[in-house]
Amino acid sequence: MKKSILAAALLSCFASAGMAQSNVTIYGIMDASLARFDDGVNKVNRLDSGRNAASRLGFRGTEDLGGGLKAVFALESGMDASNGTLSGSGAMWNRWSYVGLEGGFGGLRAGRQDSPMRTALNVIDPFMNAG
């Protein structure tokens, strides 16, 4: 009995070593606030979205292709936290939407993404792409 359990454990270790590793992350920011407007005549209370950061929902991931090469992707939609509708153009994936390859050579991505300048500045941005 103990030998069969040990053999199964060793076999599972070797089987998983040969398989590609994939990783998918669901992330987002939901920035909602209660705002009160008072101009002396009218008083309005309302739920606002995006006062500090743009609300968004996204998916990003990697797939190890072997040999130090991996496929990457990101799909991100901006949204209005007060009513759940898509922001901007109203299209799905209206923020980031790209696929690419990364390896020892660096990376190559195609699609909608940040500019090289914003990517470089995100390293020192304390809010890390909050906008």
C-alpha atoms as a PDB file:
ATOM      1  CA  MET A   1       0.000   0.000   0.000  1.00  0.00           C
ATOM      2  CA  LYS A   2       2.736   2.444   0.994  1.00  0.00           C
ATOM      3  CA  LYS A   3       4.718   1.613  -2.162  1.00  0.00           C
ATOM      4  CA  SER A   4       1.766   2.329  -4.446  1.00  0.00           C
ATOM      5  CA  ILE A   5       1.140   5.698  -2.750  1.00  0.00           C
ATOM      6  CA  LEU A   6       4.822   6.605  -3.078  1.00  0.00           C
ATOM      7  CA  ALA A   7       4.847   5.555  -6.746  1.00  0.00           C
ATOM      8  CA  ALA A   8       1.724   7.609  -7.457  1.00  0.00           C
ATOM      9  CA  ALA A   9       3.241  10.659  -5.739  1.00  0.00           C
ATOM     10  CA  LEU A  10       6.479  10.350  -7.741  1.00  0.00           C
ATOM     11  CA  LEU A  11       4.580   9.844 -10.983  1.00  0.00           C
ATOM     12  CA  SER A  12       2.458  12.954 -10.349  1.00  0.00           C
ATOM     13  CA  CYS A  13       5.617  15.020  -9.701  1.00  0.00           C
ATOM     14  CA  PHE A  14       7.169  13.939 -12.997  1.00  0.00           C
ATOM     15  CA  ALA A  15       3.910  14.370 -14.922  1.00  0.00           C
ATOM     16  CA  SER A  16       3.426  17.922 -13.679  1.00  0.00           C
ATOM     17  CA  ALA A  17       7.039  18.860 -14.504  1.00  0.00           C
ATOM     18  CA  GLY A  18       6.393  18.198 -18.193  1.00  0.00           C
ATOM     19  CA  MET A  19       3.175  20.188 -18.405  1.00  0.00           C
ATOM     20  CA  ALA A  20       3.005  23.868 -19.338  1.00  0.00           C
ATOM     21  CA  GLN A  21       2.167  26.305 -16.577  1.00  0.00           C
ATOM     22  CA  SER A  22      -0.666  28.724 -17.176  1.00  0.00           C
ATOM     23  CA  ASN A  23      -1.871  31.552 -15.005  1.00  0.00           C
ATOM     24  CA  VAL A  24      -5.010  33.681 -15.320  1.00  0.00           C
ATOM     25  CA  THR A  25      -5.739  36.580 -12.970  1.00  0.00           C
ATOM     26  CA  ILE A  26      -9.051  38.390 -12.585  1.00  0.00           C
ATOM     27  CA  TYR A  27      -8.511  41.908 -11.280  1.00  0.00           C
ATOM     28  CA  GLY A  28     -10.231  45.238 -11.060  1.00  0.00           C
ATOM     29  CA  ILE A  29     -11.020  48.430  -9.259  1.00  0.00           C
ATOM     30  CA  MET A  30     -14.511  49.425  -8.225  1.00  0.00           C
ATOM     31  CA  ASP A  31     -14.371  53.110  -7.315  1.00  0.00           C
ATOM     32  CA  ALA A  32     -17.763  54.311  -6.127  1.00  0.00           C
ATOM     33  CA  SER A  33     -18.482  57.356  -3.998  1.00  0.00           C
ATOM     34  CA  LEU A  34     -21.449  59.138  -2.545  1.00  0.00           C
ATOM     35  CA  ALA A  35     -21.439  62.783  -3.671  1.00  0.00           C
ATOM     36  CA  ARG A  36     -23.531  65.663  -2.390  1.00  0.00           C
ATOM     37  CA  PHE A  37     -23.971  68.737  -4.539  1.00  0.00           C
ATOM     38  CA  ASP A  38     -25.399  71.911  -3.031  1.00  0.00           C
ATOM     39  CA  ASP A  39     -25.464  75.127  -5.055  1.00  0.00           C
ATOM     40  CA  GLY A  40     -27.572  77.025  -2.534  1.00  0.00           C
ATOM     41  CA  VAL A  41     -30.798  76.279  -4.402  1.00  0.00           C
ATOM     42  CA  ASN A  42     -30.645  72.603  -5.337  1.00  0.00           C
ATOM     43  CA  LYS A  43     -29.346  69.769  -3.197  1.00  0.00           C
ATOM     44  CA  VAL A  44     -28.549  66.487  -4.898  1.00  0.00           C
ATOM     45  CA  ASN A  45     -27.168  63.255  -3.437  1.00  0.00           C
ATOM     46  CA  ARG A  46     -25.909  60.719  -5.965  1.00  0.00           C
ATOM     47  CA  LEU A  47     -23.649  57.744  -6.442  1.00  0.00           C
ATOM     48  CA  ASP A  48     -20.590  58.587  -8.572  1.00  0.00           C
ATOM     49  CA  SER A  49     -18.015  56.373 -10.227  1.00  0.00           C
ATOM     50  CA  GLY A  50     -14.343  57.009 -10.831  1.00  0.00           C
ATOM     51  CA  ARG A  51     -13.647  59.931  -8.497  1.00  0.00           C
ATOM     52  CA  ASN A  52     -10.219  58.578  -7.488  1.00  0.00           C
ATOM     53  CA  ALA A  53      -9.492  55.904 -10.116  1.00  0.00           C
ATOM     54  CA  ALA A  54     -11.252  54.578 -13.195  1.00  0.00           C
ATOM     55  CA  SER A  55     -13.400  51.548 -12.356  1.00  0.00           C
ATOM     56  CA  ARG A  56     -12.436  48.494 -14.375  1.00  0.00           C
ATOM     57  CA  LEU A  57     -12.621  44.715 -14.642  1.00  0.00           C
ATOM     58  CA  GLY A  58      -9.884  42.759 -16.352  1.00  0.00           C
ATOM     59  CA  PHE A  59      -8.383  39.377 -17.112  1.00  0.00           C
ATOM     60  CA  ARG A  60      -4.677  38.814 -17.734  1.00  0.00           C
ATOM     61  CA  GLY A  61      -2.696  35.664 -18.061  1.00  0.00           C
ATOM     62  CA  THR A  62       0.344  33.788 -19.218  1.00  0.00           C
ATOM     63  CA  GLU A  63       0.958  30.387 -20.747  1.00  0.00           C
ATOM     64  CA  ASP A  64       4.414  28.829 -20.550  1.00  0.00           C
ATOM     65  CA  LEU A  65       5.319  27.587 -24.040  1.00  0.00           C
ATOM     66  CA  GLY A  66       8.637  26.075 -22.971  1.00  0.00           C
ATOM     67  CA  GLY A  67      12.193  27.089 -23.703  1.00  0.00           C
ATOM     68  CA  GLY A  68      11.805  30.339 -21.769  1.00  0.00           C
ATOM     69  CA  LEU A  69       9.000  31.537 -24.056  1.00  0.00           C
ATOM     70  CA  LYS A  70       5.523  32.391 -22.818  1.00  0.00           C
ATOM     71  CA  ALA A  71       2.317  33.718 -24.333  1.00  0.00           C
ATOM     72  CA  VAL A  72       0.637  36.658 -22.567  1.00  0.00           C
ATOM     73  CA  PHE A  73      -2.751  38.326 -22.888  1.00  0.00           C
ATOM     74  CA  ALA A  74      -4.864  41.001 -21.210  1.00  0.00           C
ATOM     75  CA  LEU A  75      -8.507  42.001 -21.634  1.00  0.00           C
ATOM     76  CA  GLU A  76      -9.765  44.978 -19.615  1.00  0.00           C
ATOM     77  CA  SER A  77     -13.047  46.882 -19.639  1.00  0.00           C
ATOM     78  CA  GLY A  78     -13.782  50.252 -18.083  1.00  0.00           C
ATOM     79  CA  MET A  79     -17.104  50.490 -16.316  1.00  0.00           C
ATOM     80  CA  ASP A  80     -19.349  52.839 -14.396  1.00  0.00           C
ATOM     81  CA  ALA A  81     -19.589  51.591 -10.804  1.00  0.00           C
ATOM     82  CA  SER A  82     -22.847  53.446 -10.182  1.00  0.00           C
ATOM     83  CA  ASN A  83     -24.886  51.536 -12.773  1.00  0.00           C
ATOM     84  CA  GLY A  84     -22.682  48.761 -14.211  1.00  0.00           C
ATOM     85  CA  THR A  85     -22.565  50.050 -17.790  1.00  0.00           C
ATOM     86  CA  LEU A  86     -19.405  50.087 -19.883  1.00  0.00           C
ATOM     87  CA  SER A  87     -17.590  53.408 -19.909  1.00  0.00           C
ATOM     88  CA  GLY A  88     -15.944  55.223 -22.784  1.00  0.00           C
ATOM     89  CA  SER A  89     -17.031  53.984 -26.175  1.00  0.00           C
ATOM     90  CA  GLY A  90     -19.385  51.409 -24.676  1.00  0.00           C
ATOM     91  CA  ALA A  91     -17.399  48.620 -26.327  1.00  0.00           C
ATOM     92  CA  MET A  92     -16.247  45.568 -24.394  1.00  0.00           C
ATOM     93  CA  TRP A  93     -12.479  45.476 -23.711  1.00  0.00           C
ATOM     94  CA  ASN A  94     -12.293  49.256 -24.211  1.00  0.00           C
ATOM     95  CA  ARG A  95      -9.112  49.610 -22.140  1.00  0.00           C
ATOM     96  CA  TRP A  96      -6.371  46.995 -22.566  1.00  0.00           C
ATOM     97  CA  SER A  97      -6.796  44.289 -25.165  1.00  0.00           C
ATOM     98  CA  TYR A  98      -3.615  42.576 -26.331  1.00  0.00           C
ATOM     99  CA  VAL A  99      -1.820  39.285 -26.947  1.00  0.00           C
ATOM    100  CA  GLY A 100       1.913  38.758 -27.088  1.00  0.00           C
ATOM    101  CA  LEU A 101       5.037  36.715 -26.515  1.00  0.00           C
ATOM    102  CA  GLU A 102       7.701  37.188 -23.836  1.00  0.00           C
ATOM    103  CA  GLY A 103      11.064  35.528 -23.507  1.00  0.00           C
ATOM    104  CA  GLY A 104      14.778  36.113 -23.146  1.00  0.00           C
ATOM    105  CA  PHE A 105      14.593  38.614 -26.017  1.00  0.00           C
ATOM    106  CA  GLY A 106      12.112  40.830 -24.139  1.00  0.00           C
ATOM    107  CA  GLY A 107       8.500  41.025 -25.203  1.00  0.00           C
ATOM    108  CA  LEU A 108       6.309  41.653 -28.208  1.00  0.00           C
ATOM    109  CA  ARG A 109       2.639  42.613 -27.813  1.00  0.00           C
ATOM    110  CA  ALA A 110      -0.053  43.463 -30.343  1.00  0.00           C
ATOM    111  CA  GLY A 111      -3.294  45.240 -29.529  1.00  0.00           C
ATOM    112  CA  ARG A 112      -4.533  48.095 -27.359  1.00  0.00           C
ATOM    113  CA  GLN A 113      -2.158  48.870 -24.478  1.00  0.00           C
ATOM    114  CA  ASP A 114      -0.306  51.658 -22.663  1.00  0.00           C
ATOM    115  CA  SER A 115       2.233  53.779 -24.502  1.00  0.00           C
ATOM    116  CA  PRO A 116       5.928  53.027 -23.870  1.00  0.00           C
ATOM    117  CA  MET A 117       6.228  56.306 -21.914  1.00  0.00           C
ATOM    118  CA  ARG A 118       3.360  55.429 -19.556  1.00  0.00           C
ATOM    119  CA  THR A 119       4.745  51.927 -19.088  1.00  0.00           C
ATOM    120  CA  ALA A 120       8.103  53.422 -18.055  1.00  0.00           C
ATOM    121  CA  LEU A 121       6.465  55.936 -15.695  1.00  0.00           C
ATOM    122  CA  ASN A 122       4.318  53.269 -14.003  1.00  0.00           C
ATOM    123  CA  VAL A 123       7.495  52.014 -12.320  1.00  0.00           C
ATOM    124  CA  ILE A 124       7.655  55.201 -10.232  1.00  0.00           C
ATOM    125  CA  ASP A 125       3.911  55.981 -10.053  1.00  0.00           C
ATOM    126  CA  PRO A 126       2.724  55.509  -6.434  1.00  0.00           C
ATOM    127  CA  PHE A 127      -0.817  54.805  -7.681  1.00  0.00           C
ATOM    128  CA  MET A 128       0.363  52.229 -10.252  1.00  0.00           C
ATOM    129  CA  ASN A 129      -1.874  52.957 -13.209  1.00  0.00           C
ATOM    130  CA  ALA A 130      -4.866  54.034 -11.135  1.00  0.00           C
ATOM    131  CA  GLY A 131      -6.216  56.236 -13.942  1.00  0.00           C
END
